[in-house]
Amino acid sequence: MTILLTHGDREYLRDPGEELQTDLGVLTVPEDVEPGDTLFTHLDEEFTVRRLRGPDLFHHFERTGAPMLPRDIGLVVGETGVSAGDRVLDAGTGTGVLAGYLGRIGADVVTFERKADFAEVARENIEMADVADRVDVRTGDITEEVDELGEFDVLTLDTPDAAEVVAHTPELLADGGSLGVYAPFVESARDVEMAAREANLDNIRTMETIQREMDFDDRGTRPTTTGVGHTGYLTFARNV
């Protein structure tokens, strides 16, 4: 069980029995460590033990590219209604953040990543997130496997050929099943929506994800002038 060691704004991932060496001192994580425990370095600096949660996956997974942000993942979960016990088909695994989130919800996920080296990193991340029993990372092109995959409750895509995959949605989704597609560019989002219409899907809608953090100080309140407001475009639909 990988745990998070925190000291102020510092965070470190470690497994039981592993050693942490920092300028704050050295400590060895006990084999019987539990979330909520307090550990001390040889310099008597205090670290708090925390259980990994969804946002920690985003911040601490080894990255092979830009992962989907938690704000977008939240919309995918909320709009598709994915829940424990659902079968989810995913393509464009990347770092594995979305698949990891869905696995921690309790869904059974089959996710495809074309690049073998990316897929291997994703498997290691999924193992660290303790959901390897629910997330199957496969190397390959999902469009070449459509006839062999069976039926799923939810289909999630973050891949350049998403529109091509969406054309197969009626074959991949159960009746009433949900589709969620992330696209970094509006042209891709348009292609996805057009493909969803041609596939006769229901309740099709595309939205842009924009969030603004707020700054509070003595002068007053305003949206922050730093950080990323826009992240991408999300298209959702349901199989009839």
Protein backbone atom coordinates (compact mmCIF):
# COMPACT_ATOMS: atom_id res chain seq x y z
CA MET A 1 0.00 0.00 0.00
CA THR A 2 1.66 3.21 -1.19
CA ILE A 3 1.13 6.07 1.25
CA LEU A 4 1.68 9.83 1.14
CA LEU A 5 4.09 11.44 3.61
CA THR A 6 3.36 15.13 4.15
CA HIS A 7 5.26 17.92 5.88
CA GLY A 8 3.81 21.36 5.23
CA ASP A 9 3.60 21.67 1.45
CA ARG A 10 6.01 18.79 0.88
CA GLU A 11 4.66 15.40 -0.23
CA TYR A 12 6.48 12.11 -0.79
CA LEU A 13 5.21 8.72 -1.93
CA ARG A 14 6.60 5.67 -0.14
CA ASP A 15 5.71 2.02 0.46
CA PRO A 16 5.93 0.31 3.87
CA GLY A 17 9.53 -0.56 4.63
CA GLU A 18 10.97 2.12 2.35
CA GLU A 19 13.25 4.90 3.50
CA LEU A 20 12.71 8.64 3.08
CA GLN A 21 15.82 10.83 2.94
CA THR A 22 15.43 14.61 2.86
CA ASP A 23 17.10 17.69 4.33
CA LEU A 24 14.61 17.24 7.19
CA GLY A 25 16.22 13.94 8.12
CA VAL A 26 15.80 10.23 7.49
CA LEU A 27 12.94 7.94 8.41
CA THR A 28 11.90 4.39 7.56
CA VAL A 29 8.23 3.76 6.93
CA PRO A 30 7.01 1.00 9.29
CA GLU A 31 5.57 -2.15 7.74
CA ASP A 32 2.38 -1.66 9.76
CA VAL A 33 1.95 2.04 8.87
CA GLU A 34 -1.61 3.36 8.75
CA PRO A 35 -3.10 6.60 7.39
CA GLY A 36 -3.24 9.16 10.18
CA ASP A 37 0.01 8.00 11.78
CA THR A 38 2.73 10.51 12.61
CA LEU A 39 6.33 9.59 11.80
CA PHE A 40 9.51 11.36 12.86
CA THR A 41 12.84 11.69 11.11
CA HIS A 42 16.12 11.25 13.01
CA LEU A 43 16.14 15.07 13.25
CA ASP A 44 12.75 14.92 14.99
CA GLU A 45 10.88 16.45 12.05
CA GLU A 46 7.25 15.34 11.87
CA PHE A 47 5.58 13.74 8.83
CA THR A 48 1.90 12.87 8.60
CA VAL A 49 0.78 9.70 6.81
CA ARG A 50 -2.11 10.04 4.38
CA ARG A 51 -3.97 7.58 2.19
CA LEU A 52 -3.76 8.28 -1.54
CA ARG A 53 -6.84 9.92 -3.00
CA GLY A 54 -7.82 10.92 -6.53
CA PRO A 55 -6.06 14.31 -6.69
CA ASP A 56 -2.86 12.69 -5.43
CA LEU A 57 -2.82 10.49 -8.54
CA PHE A 58 -2.78 13.60 -10.74
CA HIS A 59 0.06 15.17 -8.77
CA HIS A 60 2.23 12.10 -8.24
CA PHE A 61 1.76 9.71 -11.17
CA GLU A 62 4.82 9.50 -13.42
CA ARG A 63 3.86 11.47 -16.51
CA THR A 64 4.24 10.60 -20.17
CA GLY A 65 2.32 13.67 -21.33
CA ALA A 66 -0.29 16.11 -20.12
CA PRO A 67 -2.86 14.17 -18.06
CA MET A 68 -6.54 15.06 -17.90
CA LEU A 69 -7.09 17.56 -15.10
CA PRO A 70 -9.27 16.72 -12.08
CA ARG A 71 -11.83 19.35 -13.18
CA ASP A 72 -12.36 17.48 -16.47
CA ILE A 73 -12.37 14.10 -14.77
CA GLY A 74 -15.06 15.39 -12.41
CA LEU A 75 -17.25 16.32 -15.37
CA VAL A 76 -16.66 12.94 -17.01
CA VAL A 77 -17.72 11.16 -13.82
CA GLY A 78 -20.70 13.44 -13.25
CA GLU A 79 -21.99 13.48 -16.82
CA THR A 80 -21.54 9.78 -17.58
CA GLY A 81 -22.72 8.66 -14.14
CA VAL A 82 -19.97 6.03 -13.96
CA SER A 83 -20.21 4.07 -10.72
CA ALA A 84 -18.92 1.00 -8.92
CA GLY A 85 -19.46 -2.18 -10.90
CA ASP A 86 -19.68 -0.45 -14.29
CA ARG A 87 -17.63 -1.77 -17.19
CA VAL A 88 -15.67 1.10 -18.73
CA LEU A 89 -13.83 1.10 -22.04
CA ASP A 90 -11.18 3.81 -22.31
CA ALA A 91 -8.77 4.83 -25.05
CA GLY A 92 -5.80 7.15 -24.83
CA THR A 93 -4.54 5.92 -21.45
CA GLY A 94 -1.55 8.27 -21.32
CA THR A 95 -0.41 8.62 -17.72
CA GLY A 96 -3.44 6.65 -16.53
CA VAL A 97 -4.98 9.34 -14.35
CA LEU A 98 -8.55 8.96 -15.67
CA ALA A 99 -8.37 5.16 -15.58
CA GLY A 100 -6.96 5.35 -12.05
CA TYR A 101 -9.78 7.62 -10.87
CA LEU A 102 -12.40 5.33 -12.39
CA GLY A 103 -10.79 2.26 -10.86
CA ARG A 104 -10.85 3.88 -7.44
CA ILE A 105 -14.56 4.58 -7.90
CA GLY A 106 -14.96 0.83 -8.27
CA ALA A 107 -15.44 0.56 -12.04
CA ASP A 108 -13.80 -2.22 -14.06
CA VAL A 109 -11.74 -0.48 -16.73
CA VAL A 110 -10.18 -1.71 -19.96
CA THR A 111 -7.93 1.05 -21.31
CA PHE A 112 -5.95 1.15 -24.56
CA GLU A 113 -2.67 2.99 -25.12
CA ARG A 114 -0.97 2.83 -28.52
CA LYS A 115 2.55 3.58 -27.31
CA ALA A 116 4.12 0.61 -25.54
CA ASP A 117 6.39 2.75 -23.34
CA PHE A 118 3.45 4.92 -22.26
CA ALA A 119 1.41 1.82 -21.49
CA GLU A 120 4.18 0.42 -19.29
CA VAL A 121 4.38 3.64 -17.27
CA ALA A 122 0.59 3.63 -16.93
CA ARG A 123 0.68 0.06 -15.58
CA GLU A 124 3.20 1.09 -12.95
CA ASN A 125 1.04 4.07 -12.00
CA ILE A 126 -2.07 1.91 -11.79
CA GLU A 127 -0.19 -0.55 -9.57
CA MET A 128 0.88 2.30 -7.30
CA ALA A 129 -2.74 3.49 -7.11
CA ASP A 130 -3.70 0.00 -5.90
CA VAL A 131 -6.30 -0.57 -8.63
CA ALA A 132 -4.45 -3.05 -10.85
CA ASP A 133 -7.18 -5.59 -10.09
CA ARG A 134 -9.76 -3.29 -11.70
CA VAL A 135 -7.80 -1.50 -14.45
CA ASP A 136 -6.50 -3.50 -17.42
CA VAL A 137 -3.97 -1.44 -19.41
CA ARG A 138 -3.60 -2.81 -22.92
CA THR A 139 -1.14 -1.80 -25.59
CA GLY A 140 -2.78 -1.36 -28.97
CA ASP A 141 -5.26 0.47 -31.17
CA ILE A 142 -8.83 0.23 -29.93
CA THR A 143 -10.22 0.51 -33.47
CA GLU A 144 -8.54 -2.81 -34.32
CA GLU A 145 -10.20 -4.57 -31.37
CA VAL A 146 -13.81 -3.39 -31.66
CA ASP A 147 -15.22 -6.76 -32.70
CA GLU A 148 -13.54 -8.56 -29.77
CA LEU A 149 -14.32 -6.22 -26.88
CA GLY A 150 -17.95 -6.85 -26.03
CA GLU A 151 -20.34 -4.39 -24.39
CA PHE A 152 -19.60 -1.65 -21.87
CA ASP A 153 -21.57 0.75 -19.68
CA VAL A 154 -19.31 3.74 -20.30
CA LEU A 155 -16.90 4.71 -23.10
CA THR A 156 -14.27 7.41 -22.40
CA LEU A 157 -11.85 8.74 -25.00
CA ASP A 158 -8.85 11.07 -24.99
CA THR A 159 -7.26 10.24 -28.31
CA PRO A 160 -6.75 11.99 -31.69
CA ASP A 161 -8.90 9.42 -33.53
CA ALA A 162 -11.82 9.76 -31.09
CA ALA A 163 -14.30 10.53 -33.88
CA GLU A 164 -13.44 7.23 -35.57
CA VAL A 165 -14.02 5.37 -32.31
CA VAL A 166 -17.30 7.20 -31.67
CA ALA A 167 -18.60 5.78 -34.95
CA HIS A 168 -18.45 2.35 -33.29
CA THR A 169 -20.27 3.47 -30.13
CA PRO A 170 -23.51 1.54 -30.89
CA GLU A 171 -21.44 -1.67 -30.99
CA LEU A 172 -19.49 -0.90 -27.82
CA LEU A 173 -22.07 0.58 -25.45
CA ALA A 174 -24.99 -1.12 -23.76
CA ASP A 175 -28.43 0.43 -24.24
CA GLY A 176 -28.43 3.71 -22.32
CA GLY A 177 -24.66 3.58 -21.92
CA SER A 178 -22.73 6.85 -21.72
CA LEU A 179 -19.99 8.35 -23.87
CA GLY A 180 -17.48 10.96 -22.66
CA VAL A 181 -14.80 12.39 -24.97
CA TYR A 182 -12.06 14.89 -24.11
CA ALA A 183 -10.60 17.00 -26.94
CA PRO A 184 -7.87 19.65 -26.61
CA PHE A 185 -8.96 21.45 -29.80
CA VAL A 186 -12.38 22.65 -30.89
CA GLU A 187 -11.97 21.13 -34.36
CA SER A 188 -11.59 17.68 -32.80
CA ALA A 189 -14.63 18.31 -30.60
CA ARG A 190 -16.67 19.20 -33.69
CA ASP A 191 -15.59 15.98 -35.44
CA VAL A 192 -16.60 13.99 -32.36
CA GLU A 193 -20.03 15.60 -32.16
CA MET A 194 -20.65 15.05 -35.88
CA ALA A 195 -19.66 11.38 -35.49
CA ALA A 196 -22.01 11.04 -32.52
CA ARG A 197 -24.88 12.45 -34.58
CA GLU A 198 -24.15 10.07 -37.47
CA ALA A 199 -24.12 7.18 -34.99
CA ASN A 200 -27.64 8.25 -33.90
CA LEU A 201 -26.61 8.76 -30.29
CA ASP A 202 -28.91 10.59 -27.90
CA ASN A 203 -28.50 13.65 -25.64
CA ILE A 204 -25.38 14.89 -27.44
CA ARG A 205 -23.76 18.01 -26.02
CA THR A 206 -20.31 19.59 -26.15
CA MET A 207 -18.97 22.03 -23.58
CA GLU A 208 -15.81 23.97 -22.90
CA THR A 209 -14.21 23.55 -19.48
CA ILE A 210 -13.39 26.92 -17.92
CA GLN A 211 -12.75 27.52 -14.24
CA ARG A 212 -11.31 30.57 -12.48
CA GLU A 213 -9.77 30.47 -9.04
CA MET A 214 -10.43 33.43 -6.78
CA ASP A 215 -7.96 35.74 -5.04
CA PHE A 216 -8.95 37.23 -1.68
CA ASP A 217 -6.87 40.02 -0.14
CA ASP A 218 -7.21 43.29 1.76
CA ARG A 219 -7.92 45.27 -1.41
CA GLY A 220 -10.82 43.09 -2.49
CA THR A 221 -11.80 39.95 -4.39
CA ARG A 222 -11.16 39.07 -8.04
CA PRO A 223 -10.45 36.06 -10.26
CA THR A 224 -6.78 35.12 -10.19
CA THR A 225 -4.64 36.42 -13.03
CA THR A 226 -2.45 33.32 -12.96
CA GLY A 227 -3.14 29.68 -13.70
CA VAL A 228 -5.01 27.97 -16.53
CA GLY A 229 -8.70 28.82 -16.95
CA HIS A 230 -9.44 26.82 -20.11
CA THR A 231 -8.49 23.16 -20.27
CA GLY A 232 -10.38 21.56 -23.14
CA TYR A 233 -13.65 20.45 -24.70
CA LEU A 234 -15.84 17.61 -23.52
CA THR A 235 -18.51 15.86 -25.57
CA PHE A 236 -21.10 13.62 -23.94
CA ALA A 237 -23.81 11.40 -25.39
CA ARG A 238 -25.81 8.25 -24.66
CA ASN A 239 -26.48 5.15 -26.65
CA VAL A 240 -30.15 4.81 -27.51
